[in-house]
N, C-alpha and C. Protein backbone atom coordinates (compact mmCIF):
# COMPACT_ATOMS: atom_id res chain seq x y z
N UNK A 1 178.66 275.05 46.91
CA UNK A 1 179.18 275.54 48.18
C UNK A 1 180.70 275.36 48.18
N UNK A 2 181.46 276.35 48.64
CA UNK A 2 182.92 276.23 48.63
C UNK A 2 183.43 275.26 49.69
N UNK A 3 184.61 274.74 49.44
CA UNK A 3 185.27 273.86 50.39
C UNK A 3 185.51 274.63 51.68
N UNK A 4 185.27 273.99 52.83
CA UNK A 4 185.46 274.64 54.12
C UNK A 4 186.62 273.99 54.86
N UNK A 5 187.57 274.84 55.32
CA UNK A 5 188.68 274.39 56.16
C UNK A 5 188.61 275.20 57.43
N UNK A 6 188.46 274.49 58.56
CA UNK A 6 188.35 275.17 59.85
C UNK A 6 189.64 274.99 60.63
N UNK A 7 190.17 276.10 61.15
CA UNK A 7 191.35 276.04 62.00
C UNK A 7 190.85 275.80 63.41
N UNK A 8 191.12 274.61 63.95
CA UNK A 8 190.68 274.30 65.30
C UNK A 8 191.63 274.90 66.32
N UNK A 9 191.08 275.40 67.42
CA UNK A 9 191.90 276.03 68.45
C UNK A 9 192.92 275.03 68.99
N UNK A 10 194.19 275.38 68.86
CA UNK A 10 195.30 274.55 69.34
C UNK A 10 195.23 273.12 68.79
N UNK A 11 194.69 272.97 67.59
CA UNK A 11 194.57 271.64 67.00
C UNK A 11 194.77 271.68 65.50
N UNK A 12 194.27 270.67 64.81
CA UNK A 12 194.52 270.54 63.38
C UNK A 12 193.61 271.42 62.52
N UNK A 13 193.88 271.40 61.23
CA UNK A 13 192.99 271.99 60.25
C UNK A 13 191.95 270.93 59.92
N UNK A 14 190.68 271.25 60.03
CA UNK A 14 189.60 270.31 59.73
C UNK A 14 189.04 270.64 58.35
N UNK A 15 189.11 269.67 57.44
CA UNK A 15 188.65 269.87 56.07
C UNK A 15 187.33 269.13 55.90
N UNK A 16 186.26 269.89 55.63
CA UNK A 16 184.94 269.30 55.46
C UNK A 16 184.76 268.91 54.00
N UNK A 17 184.87 267.62 53.72
CA UNK A 17 184.80 267.12 52.35
C UNK A 17 183.38 267.15 51.79
N UNK A 18 182.38 267.38 52.64
CA UNK A 18 181.00 267.43 52.17
C UNK A 18 180.72 268.72 51.40
N UNK A 19 181.59 269.72 51.55
CA UNK A 19 181.33 271.01 50.92
C UNK A 19 182.01 271.17 49.56
N UNK A 20 182.78 270.20 49.13
CA UNK A 20 183.43 270.34 47.84
C UNK A 20 184.51 269.31 47.60
N UNK A 21 185.01 269.30 46.38
CA UNK A 21 186.09 268.39 46.04
C UNK A 21 187.37 268.86 46.71
N UNK A 22 188.27 267.90 46.96
CA UNK A 22 189.51 268.23 47.66
C UNK A 22 190.59 267.27 47.18
N UNK A 23 191.69 267.83 46.69
CA UNK A 23 192.84 267.03 46.30
C UNK A 23 194.03 267.54 47.10
N UNK A 24 194.74 266.64 47.74
CA UNK A 24 195.91 266.98 48.54
C UNK A 24 197.14 266.60 47.72
N UNK A 25 198.04 267.54 47.54
CA UNK A 25 199.23 267.36 46.70
C UNK A 25 200.47 267.57 47.55
N UNK A 26 201.49 266.70 47.38
CA UNK A 26 202.75 266.88 48.12
C UNK A 26 203.65 267.88 47.40
N UNK A 27 204.83 268.12 47.95
CA UNK A 27 205.76 269.12 47.42
C UNK A 27 206.28 268.79 46.02
N UNK A 28 206.17 267.53 45.61
CA UNK A 28 206.59 267.12 44.27
C UNK A 28 205.44 267.08 43.27
N UNK A 29 204.23 267.43 43.72
CA UNK A 29 203.07 267.42 42.84
C UNK A 29 202.33 266.10 42.80
N UNK A 30 202.70 265.16 43.68
CA UNK A 30 202.03 263.86 43.74
C UNK A 30 200.77 263.95 44.59
N UNK A 31 199.72 263.27 44.16
CA UNK A 31 198.48 263.23 44.92
C UNK A 31 198.68 262.36 46.16
N UNK A 32 198.27 262.88 47.32
CA UNK A 32 198.31 262.12 48.57
C UNK A 32 196.92 261.55 48.78
N UNK A 33 196.81 260.20 48.84
CA UNK A 33 195.49 259.60 49.05
C UNK A 33 194.91 260.03 50.39
N UNK A 34 193.63 260.33 50.40
CA UNK A 34 192.95 260.73 51.63
C UNK A 34 192.61 259.49 52.44
N UNK A 35 192.61 259.61 53.76
CA UNK A 35 192.26 258.46 54.59
C UNK A 35 190.80 258.07 54.39
N UNK A 36 190.53 256.81 54.61
CA UNK A 36 189.15 256.33 54.51
C UNK A 36 188.35 256.90 55.67
N UNK A 37 187.19 257.44 55.36
CA UNK A 37 186.35 258.04 56.38
C UNK A 37 185.43 256.99 57.00
N UNK A 38 185.17 257.15 58.29
CA UNK A 38 184.20 256.28 58.97
C UNK A 38 182.81 256.63 58.45
N UNK A 39 181.89 255.68 58.47
CA UNK A 39 180.53 255.98 58.01
C UNK A 39 179.94 257.19 58.73
N UNK A 40 179.34 258.08 57.96
CA UNK A 40 178.71 259.27 58.52
C UNK A 40 179.65 260.44 58.73
N UNK A 41 180.96 260.23 58.56
CA UNK A 41 181.94 261.31 58.74
C UNK A 41 182.25 261.95 57.40
N UNK A 42 182.48 263.25 57.41
CA UNK A 42 182.82 263.96 56.17
C UNK A 42 184.05 264.83 56.33
N UNK A 43 184.74 264.71 57.48
CA UNK A 43 185.86 265.59 57.78
C UNK A 43 187.16 264.82 57.94
N UNK A 44 188.23 265.36 57.32
CA UNK A 44 189.57 264.85 57.60
C UNK A 44 190.31 265.96 58.33
N UNK A 45 191.36 265.61 59.07
CA UNK A 45 192.12 266.62 59.80
C UNK A 45 193.57 266.58 59.36
N UNK A 46 194.12 267.77 59.13
CA UNK A 46 195.50 267.92 58.70
C UNK A 46 196.33 268.45 59.87
N UNK A 47 197.49 267.85 60.09
CA UNK A 47 198.37 268.22 61.19
C UNK A 47 198.83 269.66 61.08
N UNK A 48 198.80 270.36 62.20
CA UNK A 48 199.28 271.73 62.25
C UNK A 48 200.46 271.85 63.21
N UNK A 49 200.64 270.87 64.11
CA UNK A 49 201.70 270.97 65.11
C UNK A 49 203.04 270.44 64.62
N UNK A 50 203.01 269.60 63.58
CA UNK A 50 204.24 269.04 63.03
C UNK A 50 204.71 267.77 63.70
N UNK A 51 204.00 267.27 64.70
CA UNK A 51 204.45 266.11 65.45
C UNK A 51 203.70 264.82 65.12
N UNK A 52 202.74 264.87 64.23
CA UNK A 52 201.96 263.68 63.90
C UNK A 52 202.84 262.61 63.26
N UNK A 53 202.55 261.36 63.57
CA UNK A 53 203.25 260.25 62.92
C UNK A 53 202.55 259.86 61.63
N UNK A 54 201.43 260.52 61.32
CA UNK A 54 200.65 260.22 60.12
C UNK A 54 200.63 261.42 59.17
N UNK A 55 201.65 262.30 59.25
CA UNK A 55 201.67 263.51 58.42
C UNK A 55 201.33 263.17 56.97
N UNK A 56 200.57 263.99 56.32
CA UNK A 56 200.11 265.31 56.73
C UNK A 56 198.83 265.27 57.55
N UNK A 57 198.37 264.07 57.93
CA UNK A 57 197.13 263.94 58.68
C UNK A 57 197.38 263.97 60.18
N UNK A 58 196.40 264.43 60.93
CA UNK A 58 196.50 264.54 62.38
C UNK A 58 196.33 263.17 63.03
N UNK A 59 197.12 262.91 64.07
CA UNK A 59 196.95 261.68 64.85
C UNK A 59 196.65 261.98 66.32
N UNK A 60 196.42 263.25 66.65
CA UNK A 60 196.08 263.64 68.02
C UNK A 60 197.28 264.00 68.88
N UNK A 61 198.49 263.92 68.34
CA UNK A 61 199.69 264.21 69.12
C UNK A 61 199.70 265.64 69.67
N UNK A 62 199.04 266.58 68.97
CA UNK A 62 199.03 267.97 69.43
C UNK A 62 198.55 268.09 70.87
N UNK A 63 197.59 267.28 71.25
CA UNK A 63 197.06 267.37 72.61
C UNK A 63 198.03 266.78 73.63
N UNK A 64 198.85 265.82 73.21
CA UNK A 64 199.82 265.19 74.12
C UNK A 64 201.04 266.08 74.36
N UNK A 65 201.39 266.91 73.35
CA UNK A 65 202.58 267.75 73.48
C UNK A 65 202.27 269.18 73.90
N UNK A 66 200.99 269.48 74.08
CA UNK A 66 200.60 270.83 74.52
C UNK A 66 200.74 271.88 73.44
N UNK A 67 200.50 271.49 72.19
CA UNK A 67 200.61 272.42 71.07
C UNK A 67 199.70 273.62 71.27
N UNK A 68 200.23 274.79 70.98
CA UNK A 68 199.46 276.02 71.02
C UNK A 68 199.46 276.61 69.61
N UNK A 69 198.28 276.94 69.11
CA UNK A 69 198.18 277.61 67.82
C UNK A 69 198.86 278.97 67.90
N UNK A 70 199.19 279.55 66.78
CA UNK A 70 199.91 280.81 66.75
C UNK A 70 199.21 281.90 67.55
N UNK A 71 197.90 281.95 67.48
CA UNK A 71 197.16 282.99 68.19
C UNK A 71 197.34 282.86 69.70
N UNK A 72 197.17 281.64 70.21
CA UNK A 72 197.31 281.38 71.65
C UNK A 72 198.75 281.59 72.09
N UNK A 73 199.70 281.10 71.31
CA UNK A 73 201.11 281.25 71.66
C UNK A 73 201.48 282.73 71.75
N UNK A 74 200.98 283.54 70.82
CA UNK A 74 201.28 284.98 70.84
C UNK A 74 200.68 285.65 72.06
N UNK A 75 199.44 285.27 72.43
CA UNK A 75 198.81 285.84 73.64
C UNK A 75 199.64 285.50 74.87
N UNK A 76 200.10 284.25 74.96
CA UNK A 76 200.90 283.84 76.12
C UNK A 76 202.24 284.59 76.16
N UNK A 77 202.85 284.77 74.99
CA UNK A 77 204.12 285.47 74.93
C UNK A 77 203.96 286.92 75.33
N UNK A 78 202.86 287.55 74.89
CA UNK A 78 202.62 288.96 75.19
C UNK A 78 202.12 289.21 76.60
N UNK A 79 201.70 288.18 77.30
CA UNK A 79 201.16 288.35 78.66
C UNK A 79 202.27 288.83 79.61
N UNK A 80 201.92 289.68 80.57
CA UNK A 80 202.92 290.15 81.54
C UNK A 80 203.55 288.97 82.29
N UNK A 81 204.84 289.02 82.48
CA UNK A 81 205.58 287.97 83.18
C UNK A 81 206.22 288.56 84.44
N UNK A 82 206.30 287.76 85.50
CA UNK A 82 207.02 288.25 86.67
C UNK A 82 208.49 288.52 86.33
N UNK A 83 209.09 289.50 86.95
CA UNK A 83 210.52 289.79 86.68
C UNK A 83 211.38 288.55 86.85
N UNK A 84 212.32 288.38 85.93
CA UNK A 84 213.24 287.25 86.00
C UNK A 84 212.73 285.95 85.40
N UNK A 85 211.47 285.96 84.88
CA UNK A 85 210.90 284.75 84.27
C UNK A 85 211.44 284.61 82.85
N UNK A 86 212.09 283.49 82.54
CA UNK A 86 212.57 283.30 81.16
C UNK A 86 211.42 283.05 80.20
N UNK A 87 211.59 283.45 78.96
CA UNK A 87 210.56 283.22 77.93
C UNK A 87 210.90 281.99 77.15
C-alpha cells in the first residue's frame, strides 16, 4: 500500500506511517528523526502554516493564529467584499 499524506483543512499535513516507509530529509540531505509516536498512533503531522516551534512538525499553532489553507484563503479572497473594504 502506498504512503498516504492527507492535507487537513486549515491544518497540517498528516502522514500515515502505517501505509509505508517514510524518511524525512532536510535541505542539506540530512535525515530528520521522526517524533516518537504514542502507543496505537501511526500518524505524524508536518507543519503547513510555518509558525510551529517544532518545525517541520506541527505543534498546533495553526489553530491559534487562524491559519487558512490555500484553498480557503483563495475562497475568502474571491468572495464579494463591501465597497471600501481593504483586502
